[in-house]
Amino acid sequence: MERDPGTADRVPVVDLHCDLLYYLAEHPHASPMDEDLIGCAIPHLQAGNVRLQVMAIYTGSADAGADDADRQLARYLVLLRSCDQFLKRFDDPAALLGEAETHRIQVLPAMENAAALAGPDDDRSVCRTRLATVARAAGPVAYVGLTHHGENRFGGGNMTRIGLKSDGEYLLEELARAGITVDLSHASDQLAEDIIEYIHQRGLDLPLMASHSNFRAVQGVARNLPDHLAREIIERGGLIGLNLLRSMLGDDGPRGLHEQVAHGMRLGGEDALCFGADFFCELQHPHATDESFFPEACGDAGAYPRLLAGIARDFGHEVARGIGSVNAARFLGPLAAG
């Protein structure tokens, strides 16, 4: 029996990951309104009924230190000032559930790679200072990932088999002290397992998420989660942000998303699933080709109403609302008080 999609076209959306800040920092004259160049441009977010967008501060290099982060943090602050008619800092959790009318999209910063906190020659205590600096300037940090694709002083990224290093242990203690979630999306399996074991051994109150990862059992790429790690995130009350990249979802985006949702539900993740679309500027990507990195039906944030209507039809409206915003709002809501 086909389920009623209900009002899926009006479901509010929380998205855990985009690369708008990196795009704007690399192109100082670019506009966040340019919907032809990036899928998370403000008009796309508006069309998708996005109520909260987490904006990643990204560095792909192990030795970049704070330089990349400083440029992106500066663009974040400029963005809030110059687009204050469209954007504001996260302060209204009720709006994420559609319980309050809002004409502005709320935003939170996050740090995709902890190499931005301390370069290879910095004393590791710099991490505490940098975290405090970001929080003072930009407000609460949604999450911090220890690595990107490769290895750094904290551990191994998803293209390695390297686990947690001593500086990574120090950083986990700092994140727990500051109440900041650790993100596993770019961790190697060994690093993720070591992080979970360290949290357990030390009794740390440290939330987990995978901000922009799918399930490897459905699409077999290293950036997707194996089931045992997905279950750890689910059982610890964390979030898994469904990624809309072709390589992680498949060529048929809506069908691939259905399969990812179904697998997440089988793992018991109904309350953990949300979106982490990973929209970035495709033109500046070093491996860009004529084919888009995103399936045709998933190319920008304006796709959310259609995707959520399909989820509501296949799984029910409450599941669609959970994935759209309810699950992420429950997890991120306390940050609004910060």
C-alpha atoms as a PDB file:
ATOM      1  CA  MET A   1       0.000   0.000   0.000  1.00  0.00           C
ATOM      2  CA  GLU A   2       1.448   3.384  -0.997  1.00  0.00           C
ATOM      3  CA  ARG A   3       1.972   5.739   1.884  1.00  0.00           C
ATOM      4  CA  ASP A   4       0.708   9.315   1.831  1.00  0.00           C
ATOM      5  CA  PRO A   5       3.657  11.710   1.444  1.00  0.00           C
ATOM      6  CA  GLY A   6       1.641  14.278   3.389  1.00  0.00           C
ATOM      7  CA  THR A   7       3.228  17.709   3.438  1.00  0.00           C
ATOM      8  CA  ALA A   8       6.765  16.611   2.576  1.00  0.00           C
ATOM      9  CA  ASP A   9       7.148  19.644   0.314  1.00  0.00           C
ATOM     10  CA  ARG A  10       7.046  21.816   3.450  1.00  0.00           C
ATOM     11  CA  VAL A  11       9.331  19.723   5.673  1.00  0.00           C
ATOM     12  CA  PRO A  12      12.074  21.925   7.171  1.00  0.00           C
ATOM     13  CA  VAL A  13      15.612  20.767   6.427  1.00  0.00           C
ATOM     14  CA  VAL A  14      18.825  20.721   8.439  1.00  0.00           C
ATOM     15  CA  ASP A  15      21.972  19.997   6.439  1.00  0.00           C
ATOM     16  CA  LEU A  16      25.161  19.029   8.290  1.00  0.00           C
ATOM     17  CA  HIS A  17      27.789  19.757   5.644  1.00  0.00           C
ATOM     18  CA  CYS A  18      28.555  22.074   2.743  1.00  0.00           C
ATOM     19  CA  ASP A  19      31.690  23.744   1.339  1.00  0.00           C
ATOM     20  CA  LEU A  20      30.364  27.252   0.732  1.00  0.00           C
ATOM     21  CA  LEU A  21      33.040  28.831   2.959  1.00  0.00           C
ATOM     22  CA  TYR A  22      35.890  27.190   1.071  1.00  0.00           C
ATOM     23  CA  TYR A  23      34.395  28.320  -2.236  1.00  0.00           C
ATOM     24  CA  LEU A  24      34.033  31.913  -1.051  1.00  0.00           C
ATOM     25  CA  ALA A  25      37.528  31.974   0.492  1.00  0.00           C
ATOM     26  CA  GLU A  26      39.098  30.665  -2.727  1.00  0.00           C
ATOM     27  CA  HIS A  27      37.099  33.121  -4.872  1.00  0.00           C
ATOM     28  CA  PRO A  28      36.975  36.441  -2.989  1.00  0.00           C
ATOM     29  CA  HIS A  29      34.716  38.074  -5.580  1.00  0.00           C
ATOM     30  CA  ALA A  30      32.234  35.197  -5.722  1.00  0.00           C
ATOM     31  CA  SER A  31      28.691  35.654  -4.480  1.00  0.00           C
ATOM     32  CA  PRO A  32      26.823  33.274  -2.150  1.00  0.00           C
ATOM     33  CA  MET A  33      23.785  34.046  -4.322  1.00  0.00           C
ATOM     34  CA  ASP A  34      25.307  32.497  -7.475  1.00  0.00           C
ATOM     35  CA  GLU A  35      23.189  29.414  -7.920  1.00  0.00           C
ATOM     36  CA  ASP A  36      24.952  28.430 -11.154  1.00  0.00           C
ATOM     37  CA  LEU A  37      28.239  27.682  -9.400  1.00  0.00           C
ATOM     38  CA  ILE A  38      27.462  25.878  -6.148  1.00  0.00           C
ATOM     39  CA  GLY A  39      24.575  23.719  -4.957  1.00  0.00           C
ATOM     40  CA  CYS A  40      24.420  25.368  -1.533  1.00  0.00           C
ATOM     41  CA  ALA A  41      24.048  28.940  -2.812  1.00  0.00           C
ATOM     42  CA  ILE A  42      21.512  30.863  -0.763  1.00  0.00           C
ATOM     43  CA  PRO A  43      18.735  30.659  -3.430  1.00  0.00           C
ATOM     44  CA  HIS A  44      19.078  26.854  -3.460  1.00  0.00           C
ATOM     45  CA  LEU A  45      18.902  26.705   0.344  1.00  0.00           C
ATOM     46  CA  GLN A  46      15.766  28.832   0.250  1.00  0.00           C
ATOM     47  CA  ALA A  47      14.183  26.638  -2.436  1.00  0.00           C
ATOM     48  CA  GLY A  48      14.939  23.528  -0.368  1.00  0.00           C
ATOM     49  CA  ASN A  49      13.381  24.979   2.817  1.00  0.00           C
ATOM     50  CA  VAL A  50      16.734  24.645   4.588  1.00  0.00           C
ATOM     51  CA  ARG A  51      16.343  26.085   8.090  1.00  0.00           C
ATOM     52  CA  LEU A  52      19.865  25.319   9.347  1.00  0.00           C
ATOM     53  CA  GLN A  53      23.008  24.909   7.260  1.00  0.00           C
ATOM     54  CA  VAL A  54      26.257  23.756   8.875  1.00  0.00           C
ATOM     55  CA  MET A  55      29.190  25.339   7.044  1.00  0.00           C
ATOM     56  CA  ALA A  56      32.454  23.422   7.099  1.00  0.00           C
ATOM     57  CA  ILE A  57      35.812  25.083   7.593  1.00  0.00           C
ATOM     58  CA  TYR A  58      37.895  22.826   5.354  1.00  0.00           C
ATOM     59  CA  THR A  59      41.538  22.061   4.811  1.00  0.00           C
ATOM     60  CA  GLY A  60      42.743  19.117   2.807  1.00  0.00           C
ATOM     61  CA  SER A  61      46.388  19.458   3.815  1.00  0.00           C
ATOM     62  CA  ALA A  62      48.104  17.997   6.861  1.00  0.00           C
ATOM     63  CA  ASP A  63      50.438  20.993   7.193  1.00  0.00           C
ATOM     64  CA  ALA A  64      48.147  23.937   6.458  1.00  0.00           C
ATOM     65  CA  GLY A  65      47.834  24.924  10.111  1.00  0.00           C
ATOM     66  CA  ALA A  66      45.481  27.806  10.777  1.00  0.00           C
ATOM     67  CA  ASP A  67      45.885  29.671   7.461  1.00  0.00           C
ATOM     68  CA  ASP A  68      43.010  28.009   5.596  1.00  0.00           C
ATOM     69  CA  ALA A  69      40.801  28.114   8.653  1.00  0.00           C
ATOM     70  CA  ASP A  70      41.436  31.821   9.238  1.00  0.00           C
ATOM     71  CA  ARG A  71      40.457  32.744   5.681  1.00  0.00           C
ATOM     72  CA  GLN A  72      37.264  30.700   5.854  1.00  0.00           C
ATOM     73  CA  LEU A  73      36.362  31.940   9.306  1.00  0.00           C
ATOM     74  CA  ALA A  74      36.761  35.506   8.045  1.00  0.00           C
ATOM     75  CA  ARG A  75      34.432  34.767   5.118  1.00  0.00           C
ATOM     76  CA  TYR A  76      31.916  33.225   7.500  1.00  0.00           C
ATOM     77  CA  LEU A  77      31.797  36.426   9.553  1.00  0.00           C
ATOM     78  CA  VAL A  78      31.552  38.579   6.425  1.00  0.00           C
ATOM     79  CA  LEU A  79      28.783  36.321   5.125  1.00  0.00           C
ATOM     80  CA  LEU A  80      26.740  36.813   8.279  1.00  0.00           C
ATOM     81  CA  ARG A  81      27.108  40.596   8.039  1.00  0.00           C
ATOM     82  CA  SER A  82      26.632  41.016   4.298  1.00  0.00           C
ATOM     83  CA  CYS A  83      23.727  38.567   3.989  1.00  0.00           C
ATOM     84  CA  ASP A  84      21.967  39.287   7.260  1.00  0.00           C
ATOM     85  CA  GLN A  85      18.651  39.527   5.417  1.00  0.00           C
ATOM     86  CA  PHE A  86      19.051  35.855   4.479  1.00  0.00           C
ATOM     87  CA  LEU A  87      21.246  34.294   7.194  1.00  0.00           C
ATOM     88  CA  LYS A  88      21.671  34.412  10.960  1.00  0.00           C
ATOM     89  CA  ARG A  89      23.510  32.531  13.689  1.00  0.00           C
ATOM     90  CA  PHE A  90      21.710  29.511  15.098  1.00  0.00           C
ATOM     91  CA  ASP A  91      19.505  30.686  17.952  1.00  0.00           C
ATOM     92  CA  ASP A  92      16.016  29.315  17.250  1.00  0.00           C
ATOM     93  CA  PRO A  93      15.609  25.507  17.465  1.00  0.00           C
ATOM     94  CA  ALA A  94      11.818  25.794  17.085  1.00  0.00           C
ATOM     95  CA  ALA A  95      12.274  27.074  13.534  1.00  0.00           C
ATOM     96  CA  LEU A  96      14.008  23.814  12.598  1.00  0.00           C
ATOM     97  CA  LEU A  97      10.776  21.960  13.257  1.00  0.00           C
ATOM     98  CA  GLY A  98       8.525  24.422  11.476  1.00  0.00           C
ATOM     99  CA  GLU A  99       7.139  25.613  14.807  1.00  0.00           C
ATOM    100  CA  ALA A 100       8.252  29.195  14.206  1.00  0.00           C
ATOM    101  CA  GLU A 101       8.142  31.191  11.005  1.00  0.00           C
ATOM    102  CA  THR A 102      11.495  32.437   9.797  1.00  0.00           C
ATOM    103  CA  HIS A 103      12.708  34.208   6.709  1.00  0.00           C
ATOM    104  CA  ARG A 104      16.367  33.636   7.501  1.00  0.00           C
ATOM    105  CA  ILE A 105      18.451  30.482   7.298  1.00  0.00           C
ATOM    106  CA  GLN A 106      20.344  29.707  10.470  1.00  0.00           C
ATOM    107  CA  VAL A 107      23.995  28.687  10.248  1.00  0.00           C
ATOM    108  CA  LEU A 108      26.638  26.944  12.335  1.00  0.00           C
ATOM    109  CA  PRO A 109      30.372  26.514  11.646  1.00  0.00           C
ATOM    110  CA  ALA A 110      32.185  23.177  11.795  1.00  0.00           C
ATOM    111  CA  MET A 111      35.779  22.063  11.283  1.00  0.00           C
ATOM    112  CA  GLU A 112      36.250  19.314   8.730  1.00  0.00           C
ATOM    113  CA  ASN A 113      39.929  18.621   9.432  1.00  0.00           C
ATOM    114  CA  ALA A 114      41.723  19.255  12.731  1.00  0.00           C
ATOM    115  CA  ALA A 115      44.896  20.088  10.798  1.00  0.00           C
ATOM    116  CA  ALA A 116      43.355  23.564  10.749  1.00  0.00           C
ATOM    117  CA  LEU A 117      43.754  23.691  14.534  1.00  0.00           C
ATOM    118  CA  ALA A 118      47.477  22.943  14.712  1.00  0.00           C
ATOM    119  CA  GLY A 119      50.177  22.590  12.092  1.00  0.00           C
ATOM    120  CA  PRO A 120      52.808  19.850  12.258  1.00  0.00           C
ATOM    121  CA  ASP A 121      55.292  22.081  14.104  1.00  0.00           C
ATOM    122  CA  ASP A 122      52.842  23.671  16.564  1.00  0.00           C
ATOM    123  CA  ASP A 123      52.593  22.615  20.169  1.00  0.00           C
ATOM    124  CA  ARG A 124      49.411  20.600  20.497  1.00  0.00           C
ATOM    125  CA  SER A 125      48.141  22.973  23.181  1.00  0.00           C
ATOM    126  CA  VAL A 126      47.439  25.370  20.291  1.00  0.00           C
ATOM    127  CA  CYS A 127      44.328  23.260  19.630  1.00  0.00           C
ATOM    128  CA  ARG A 128      42.661  24.563  22.785  1.00  0.00           C
ATOM    129  CA  THR A 129      43.460  28.170  21.892  1.00  0.00           C
ATOM    130  CA  ARG A 130      42.215  27.778  18.325  1.00  0.00           C
ATOM    131  CA  LEU A 131      38.965  26.139  19.390  1.00  0.00           C
ATOM    132  CA  ALA A 132      38.345  28.991  21.815  1.00  0.00           C
ATOM    133  CA  THR A 133      39.163  31.570  19.132  1.00  0.00           C
ATOM    134  CA  VAL A 134      36.687  30.061  16.669  1.00  0.00           C
ATOM    135  CA  ALA A 135      33.982  29.818  19.327  1.00  0.00           C
ATOM    136  CA  ARG A 136      34.476  33.457  20.396  1.00  0.00           C
ATOM    137  CA  ALA A 137      34.317  34.719  16.831  1.00  0.00           C
ATOM    138  CA  ALA A 138      31.667  32.464  15.319  1.00  0.00           C
ATOM    139  CA  GLY A 139      29.754  30.885  18.194  1.00  0.00           C
ATOM    140  CA  PRO A 140      29.292  27.163  18.922  1.00  0.00           C
ATOM    141  CA  VAL A 141      31.089  24.681  16.663  1.00  0.00           C
ATOM    142  CA  ALA A 142      28.840  21.922  15.323  1.00  0.00           C
ATOM    143  CA  TYR A 143      31.611  19.305  15.089  1.00  0.00           C
ATOM    144  CA  VAL A 144      35.318  18.703  14.488  1.00  0.00           C
ATOM    145  CA  GLY A 145      36.742  15.928  12.295  1.00  0.00           C
ATOM    146  CA  LEU A 146      40.289  14.805  13.081  1.00  0.00           C
ATOM    147  CA  THR A 147      41.373  14.222   9.473  1.00  0.00           C
ATOM    148  CA  HIS A 148      40.534  14.602   5.819  1.00  0.00           C
ATOM    149  CA  HIS A 149      41.467  11.956   3.232  1.00  0.00           C
ATOM    150  CA  GLY A 150      45.072  11.527   4.325  1.00  0.00           C
ATOM    151  CA  GLU A 151      47.185  11.263   7.443  1.00  0.00           C
ATOM    152  CA  ASN A 152      47.959  14.094   9.845  1.00  0.00           C
ATOM    153  CA  ARG A 153      49.326  14.450  13.384  1.00  0.00           C
ATOM    154  CA  PHE A 154      45.990  13.328  14.875  1.00  0.00           C
ATOM    155  CA  GLY A 155      45.383  10.121  12.916  1.00  0.00           C
ATOM    156  CA  GLY A 156      44.565   8.551   9.559  1.00  0.00           C
ATOM    157  CA  GLY A 157      41.970   9.689   7.031  1.00  0.00           C
ATOM    158  CA  ASN A 158      39.592   7.577   5.000  1.00  0.00           C
ATOM    159  CA  MET A 159      42.215   6.808   2.321  1.00  0.00           C
ATOM    160  CA  THR A 160      44.539   5.235   4.929  1.00  0.00           C
ATOM    161  CA  ARG A 161      44.523   2.418   7.466  1.00  0.00           C
ATOM    162  CA  ILE A 162      46.128   4.550  10.164  1.00  0.00           C
ATOM    163  CA  GLY A 163      44.531   4.827  13.583  1.00  0.00           C
ATOM    164  CA  LEU A 164      44.514   7.331  16.433  1.00  0.00           C
ATOM    165  CA  LYS A 165      47.771   9.075  17.399  1.00  0.00           C
ATOM    166  CA  SER A 166      48.713  10.616  20.741  1.00  0.00           C
ATOM    167  CA  ASP A 167      47.861  14.118  19.511  1.00  0.00           C
ATOM    168  CA  GLY A 168      44.481  12.751  18.487  1.00  0.00           C
ATOM    169  CA  GLU A 169      43.947  11.482  22.015  1.00  0.00           C
ATOM    170  CA  TYR A 170      44.799  14.941  23.330  1.00  0.00           C
ATOM    171  CA  LEU A 171      42.322  16.524  20.908  1.00  0.00           C
ATOM    172  CA  LEU A 172      39.533  14.141  21.934  1.00  0.00           C
ATOM    173  CA  GLU A 173      40.055  15.256  25.537  1.00  0.00           C
ATOM    174  CA  GLU A 174      39.835  18.888  24.423  1.00  0.00           C
ATOM    175  CA  LEU A 175      36.672  18.278  22.414  1.00  0.00           C
ATOM    176  CA  ALA A 176      35.065  16.556  25.387  1.00  0.00           C
ATOM    177  CA  ARG A 177      36.062  19.445  27.638  1.00  0.00           C
ATOM    178  CA  ALA A 178      34.564  21.952  25.196  1.00  0.00           C
ATOM    179  CA  GLY A 179      31.440  19.864  24.518  1.00  0.00           C
ATOM    180  CA  ILE A 180      32.135  19.574  20.775  1.00  0.00           C
ATOM    181  CA  THR A 181      31.034  16.552  18.747  1.00  0.00           C
ATOM    182  CA  VAL A 182      33.662  14.475  16.938  1.00  0.00           C
ATOM    183  CA  ASP A 183      32.923  13.749  13.275  1.00  0.00           C
ATOM    184  CA  LEU A 184      33.903  10.373  11.759  1.00  0.00           C
ATOM    185  CA  SER A 185      33.086  11.122   8.107  1.00  0.00           C
ATOM    186  CA  HIS A 186      36.722  11.301   6.973  1.00  0.00           C
ATOM    187  CA  ALA A 187      38.192   8.887   9.521  1.00  0.00           C
ATOM    188  CA  SER A 188      39.767   5.620   8.469  1.00  0.00           C
ATOM    189  CA  ASP A 189      37.979   2.598   9.894  1.00  0.00           C
ATOM    190  CA  GLN A 190      40.908   2.122  12.269  1.00  0.00           C
ATOM    191  CA  LEU A 191      40.800   5.741  13.412  1.00  0.00           C
ATOM    192  CA  ALA A 192      37.042   5.575  14.007  1.00  0.00           C
ATOM    193  CA  GLU A 193      37.408   2.335  15.973  1.00  0.00           C
ATOM    194  CA  ASP A 194      40.247   3.824  18.022  1.00  0.00           C
ATOM    195  CA  ILE A 195      38.230   6.974  18.744  1.00  0.00           C
ATOM    196  CA  ILE A 196      35.305   4.917  20.010  1.00  0.00           C
ATOM    197  CA  GLU A 197      37.593   2.740  22.125  1.00  0.00           C
ATOM    198  CA  TYR A 198      39.367   5.776  23.596  1.00  0.00           C
ATOM    199  CA  ILE A 199      36.047   7.424  24.469  1.00  0.00           C
ATOM    200  CA  HIS A 200      34.965   4.202  26.177  1.00  0.00           C
ATOM    201  CA  GLN A 201      38.215   3.681  28.086  1.00  0.00           C
ATOM    202  CA  ARG A 202      38.377   7.264  29.299  1.00  0.00           C
ATOM    203  CA  GLY A 203      34.667   7.581  30.004  1.00  0.00           C
ATOM    204  CA  LEU A 204      34.467  10.744  27.908  1.00  0.00           C
ATOM    205  CA  ASP A 205      31.145  12.468  27.350  1.00  0.00           C
ATOM    206  CA  LEU A 206      31.845  12.978  23.667  1.00  0.00           C
ATOM    207  CA  PRO A 207      29.055  12.764  21.062  1.00  0.00           C
ATOM    208  CA  LEU A 208      29.665  11.138  17.675  1.00  0.00           C
ATOM    209  CA  MET A 209      28.398  11.800  14.196  1.00  0.00           C
ATOM    210  CA  ALA A 210      29.252  11.138  10.577  1.00  0.00           C
ATOM    211  CA  SER A 211      28.256  14.471   9.077  1.00  0.00           C
ATOM    212  CA  HIS A 212      28.333  13.462   5.404  1.00  0.00           C
ATOM    213  CA  SER A 213      28.573   9.681   4.966  1.00  0.00           C
ATOM    214  CA  ASN A 214      26.318   6.897   3.710  1.00  0.00           C
ATOM    215  CA  PHE A 215      26.407   3.102   4.231  1.00  0.00           C
ATOM    216  CA  ARG A 216      29.147   0.984   2.670  1.00  0.00           C
ATOM    217  CA  ALA A 217      26.919  -2.095   2.507  1.00  0.00           C
ATOM    218  CA  VAL A 218      24.825  -0.256  -0.102  1.00  0.00           C
ATOM    219  CA  GLN A 219      27.548   1.672  -1.953  1.00  0.00           C
ATOM    220  CA  GLY A 220      31.002   0.192  -1.419  1.00  0.00           C
ATOM    221  CA  VAL A 221      33.309   3.198  -1.120  1.00  0.00           C
ATOM    222  CA  ALA A 222      35.703   4.004   1.715  1.00  0.00           C
ATOM    223  CA  ARG A 223      33.908   7.236   2.618  1.00  0.00           C
ATOM    224  CA  ASN A 224      30.740   5.320   3.472  1.00  0.00           C
ATOM    225  CA  LEU A 225      30.340   3.730   6.905  1.00  0.00           C
ATOM    226  CA  PRO A 226      30.700   0.003   7.549  1.00  0.00           C
ATOM    227  CA  ASP A 227      27.782  -1.355   9.540  1.00  0.00           C
ATOM    228  CA  HIS A 228      29.658  -1.804  12.822  1.00  0.00           C
ATOM    229  CA  LEU A 229      30.647   1.873  12.901  1.00  0.00           C
ATOM    230  CA  ALA A 230      27.190   3.025  11.836  1.00  0.00           C
ATOM    231  CA  ARG A 231      25.708   1.026  14.713  1.00  0.00           C
ATOM    232  CA  GLU A 232      28.110   2.658  17.178  1.00  0.00           C
ATOM    233  CA  ILE A 233      26.958   6.113  16.080  1.00  0.00           C
ATOM    234  CA  ILE A 234      23.303   5.065  16.235  1.00  0.00           C
ATOM    235  CA  GLU A 235      23.578   3.407  19.637  1.00  0.00           C
ATOM    236  CA  ARG A 236      25.340   6.477  21.063  1.00  0.00           C
ATOM    237  CA  GLY A 237      22.534   8.784  19.925  1.00  0.00           C
ATOM    238  CA  GLY A 238      24.566  10.360  17.123  1.00  0.00           C
ATOM    239  CA  LEU A 239      23.758  11.507  13.603  1.00  0.00           C
ATOM    240  CA  ILE A 240      24.496  10.152  10.125  1.00  0.00           C
ATOM    241  CA  GLY A 241      24.202  12.828   7.437  1.00  0.00           C
ATOM    242  CA  LEU A 242      23.183  11.260   4.128  1.00  0.00           C
ATOM    243  CA  ASN A 243      25.561  12.375   1.375  1.00  0.00           C
ATOM    244  CA  LEU A 244      24.209  13.146  -2.120  1.00  0.00           C
ATOM    245  CA  LEU A 245      27.454  12.630  -4.073  1.00  0.00           C
ATOM    246  CA  ARG A 246      27.149  10.237  -7.011  1.00  0.00           C
ATOM    247  CA  SER A 247      30.108   8.154  -5.822  1.00  0.00           C
ATOM    248  CA  MET A 248      28.456   7.621  -2.443  1.00  0.00           C
ATOM    249  CA  LEU A 249      24.841   7.349  -3.564  1.00  0.00           C
ATOM    250  CA  GLY A 250      24.851   5.885  -7.070  1.00  0.00           C
ATOM    251  CA  ASP A 251      23.834   7.231 -10.481  1.00  0.00           C
ATOM    252  CA  ASP A 252      20.099   7.140  -9.714  1.00  0.00           C
ATOM    253  CA  GLY A 253      20.038   9.578  -6.828  1.00  0.00           C
ATOM    254  CA  PRO A 254      16.479   9.126  -5.509  1.00  0.00           C
ATOM    255  CA  ARG A 255      16.682   5.343  -5.765  1.00  0.00           C
ATOM    256  CA  GLY A 256      20.112   5.332  -4.139  1.00  0.00           C
ATOM    257  CA  LEU A 257      18.815   7.553  -1.359  1.00  0.00           C
ATOM    258  CA  HIS A 258      15.881   5.157  -0.826  1.00  0.00           C
ATOM    259  CA  GLU A 259      18.324   2.246  -0.497  1.00  0.00           C
ATOM    260  CA  GLN A 260      20.490   4.186   1.961  1.00  0.00           C
ATOM    261  CA  VAL A 261      17.486   5.133   4.094  1.00  0.00           C
ATOM    262  CA  ALA A 262      16.203   1.559   4.047  1.00  0.00           C
ATOM    263  CA  HIS A 263      19.576   0.243   5.186  1.00  0.00           C
ATOM    264  CA  GLY A 264      19.832   2.848   7.913  1.00  0.00           C
ATOM    265  CA  MET A 265      16.391   1.848   9.153  1.00  0.00           C
ATOM    266  CA  ARG A 266      17.433  -1.813   9.210  1.00  0.00           C
ATOM    267  CA  LEU A 267      20.352  -0.837  11.447  1.00  0.00           C
ATOM    268  CA  GLY A 268      17.961   0.869  13.853  1.00  0.00           C
ATOM    269  CA  GLY A 269      18.878   4.366  12.691  1.00  0.00           C
ATOM    270  CA  GLU A 270      15.455   5.964  12.234  1.00  0.00           C
ATOM    271  CA  ASP A 271      16.343   8.628  14.831  1.00  0.00           C
ATOM    272  CA  ALA A 272      19.913   9.117  13.552  1.00  0.00           C
ATOM    273  CA  LEU A 273      19.398   9.824   9.843  1.00  0.00           C
ATOM    274  CA  CYS A 274      19.542  13.357   8.455  1.00  0.00           C
ATOM    275  CA  PHE A 275      21.182  15.165   5.514  1.00  0.00           C
ATOM    276  CA  GLY A 276      24.829  16.051   4.926  1.00  0.00           C
ATOM    277  CA  ALA A 277      24.683  16.673   1.193  1.00  0.00           C
ATOM    278  CA  ASP A 278      28.314  17.869   0.758  1.00  0.00           C
ATOM    279  CA  PHE A 279      27.550  20.486  -1.911  1.00  0.00           C
ATOM    280  CA  PHE A 280      30.705  22.126  -3.260  1.00  0.00           C
ATOM    281  CA  CYS A 281      31.822  24.075  -6.314  1.00  0.00           C
ATOM    282  CA  GLU A 282      32.378  21.390  -8.924  1.00  0.00           C
ATOM    283  CA  LEU A 283      34.278  23.650 -11.333  1.00  0.00           C
ATOM    284  CA  GLN A 284      37.195  24.069  -8.928  1.00  0.00           C
ATOM    285  CA  HIS A 285      37.482  20.375  -8.078  1.00  0.00           C
ATOM    286  CA  PRO A 286      40.799  18.884  -9.293  1.00  0.00           C
ATOM    287  CA  HIS A 287      39.038  15.812 -10.706  1.00  0.00           C
ATOM    288  CA  ALA A 288      36.184  17.638 -12.437  1.00  0.00           C
ATOM    289  CA  THR A 289      34.849  16.109 -15.666  1.00  0.00           C
ATOM    290  CA  ASP A 290      31.868  16.764 -17.924  1.00  0.00           C
ATOM    291  CA  GLU A 291      29.775  14.545 -15.649  1.00  0.00           C
ATOM    292  CA  SER A 292      28.476  16.145 -12.480  1.00  0.00           C
ATOM    293  CA  PHE A 293      29.662  14.816  -9.124  1.00  0.00           C
ATOM    294  CA  PHE A 294      25.987  14.718  -8.117  1.00  0.00           C
ATOM    295  CA  PRO A 295      23.151  12.746  -9.730  1.00  0.00           C
ATOM    296  CA  GLU A 296      20.860  14.914 -11.827  1.00  0.00           C
ATOM    297  CA  ALA A 297      18.014  14.854  -9.294  1.00  0.00           C
ATOM    298  CA  CYS A 298      20.359  15.742  -6.391  1.00  0.00           C
ATOM    299  CA  GLY A 299      22.433  18.574  -7.791  1.00  0.00           C
ATOM    300  CA  ASP A 300      21.537  21.327  -5.352  1.00  0.00           C
ATOM    301  CA  ALA A 301      19.662  21.999  -2.116  1.00  0.00           C
ATOM    302  CA  GLY A 302      16.496  22.791  -4.050  1.00  0.00           C
ATOM    303  CA  ALA A 303      16.128  19.011  -4.506  1.00  0.00           C
ATOM    304  CA  TYR A 304      15.177  18.448  -0.864  1.00  0.00           C
ATOM    305  CA  PRO A 305      11.371  18.788  -1.270  1.00  0.00           C
ATOM    306  CA  ARG A 306      11.341  16.193  -4.057  1.00  0.00           C
ATOM    307  CA  LEU A 307      13.660  13.841  -2.186  1.00  0.00           C
ATOM    308  CA  LEU A 308      11.642  14.151   1.016  1.00  0.00           C
ATOM    309  CA  ALA A 309       8.406  13.540  -0.860  1.00  0.00           C
ATOM    310  CA  GLY A 310       9.902  10.256  -2.081  1.00  0.00           C
ATOM    311  CA  ILE A 311      11.015   9.326   1.430  1.00  0.00           C
ATOM    312  CA  ALA A 312       7.543  10.138   2.778  1.00  0.00           C
ATOM    313  CA  ARG A 313       5.919   8.014   0.088  1.00  0.00           C
ATOM    314  CA  ASP A 314       8.213   5.043   0.741  1.00  0.00           C
ATOM    315  CA  PHE A 315       8.704   5.246   4.522  1.00  0.00           C
ATOM    316  CA  GLY A 316       6.014   7.565   5.886  1.00  0.00           C
ATOM    317  CA  HIS A 317       5.817  11.243   6.697  1.00  0.00           C
ATOM    318  CA  GLU A 318       7.258  10.912  10.211  1.00  0.00           C
ATOM    319  CA  VAL A 319      10.412   9.315   8.831  1.00  0.00           C
ATOM    320  CA  ALA A 320      10.679  12.113   6.269  1.00  0.00           C
ATOM    321  CA  ARG A 321      10.324  14.732   9.009  1.00  0.00           C
ATOM    322  CA  GLY A 322      12.924  12.937  11.099  1.00  0.00           C
ATOM    323  CA  ILE A 323      15.437  12.894   8.252  1.00  0.00           C
ATOM    324  CA  GLY A 324      14.557  16.415   7.178  1.00  0.00           C
ATOM    325  CA  SER A 325      15.076  18.144  10.505  1.00  0.00           C
ATOM    326  CA  VAL A 326      13.699  16.477  13.639  1.00  0.00           C
ATOM    327  CA  ASN A 327      16.673  14.191  14.291  1.00  0.00           C
ATOM    328  CA  ALA A 328      19.278  16.881  13.709  1.00  0.00           C
ATOM    329  CA  ALA A 329      17.267  19.477  15.662  1.00  0.00           C
ATOM    330  CA  ARG A 330      17.209  17.204  18.703  1.00  0.00           C
ATOM    331  CA  PHE A 331      20.968  16.715  18.525  1.00  0.00           C
ATOM    332  CA  LEU A 332      22.009  20.287  17.683  1.00  0.00           C
ATOM    333  CA  GLY A 333      19.331  22.135  19.641  1.00  0.00           C
ATOM    334  CA  PRO A 334      21.436  22.653  22.795  1.00  0.00           C
ATOM    335  CA  LEU A 335      23.998  24.619  20.728  1.00  0.00           C
ATOM    336  CA  ALA A 336      21.457  27.402  20.270  1.00  0.00           C
ATOM    337  CA  ALA A 337      21.868  28.293  23.946  1.00  0.00           C
ATOM    338  CA  GLY A 338      25.606  28.706  23.408  1.00  0.00           C
END
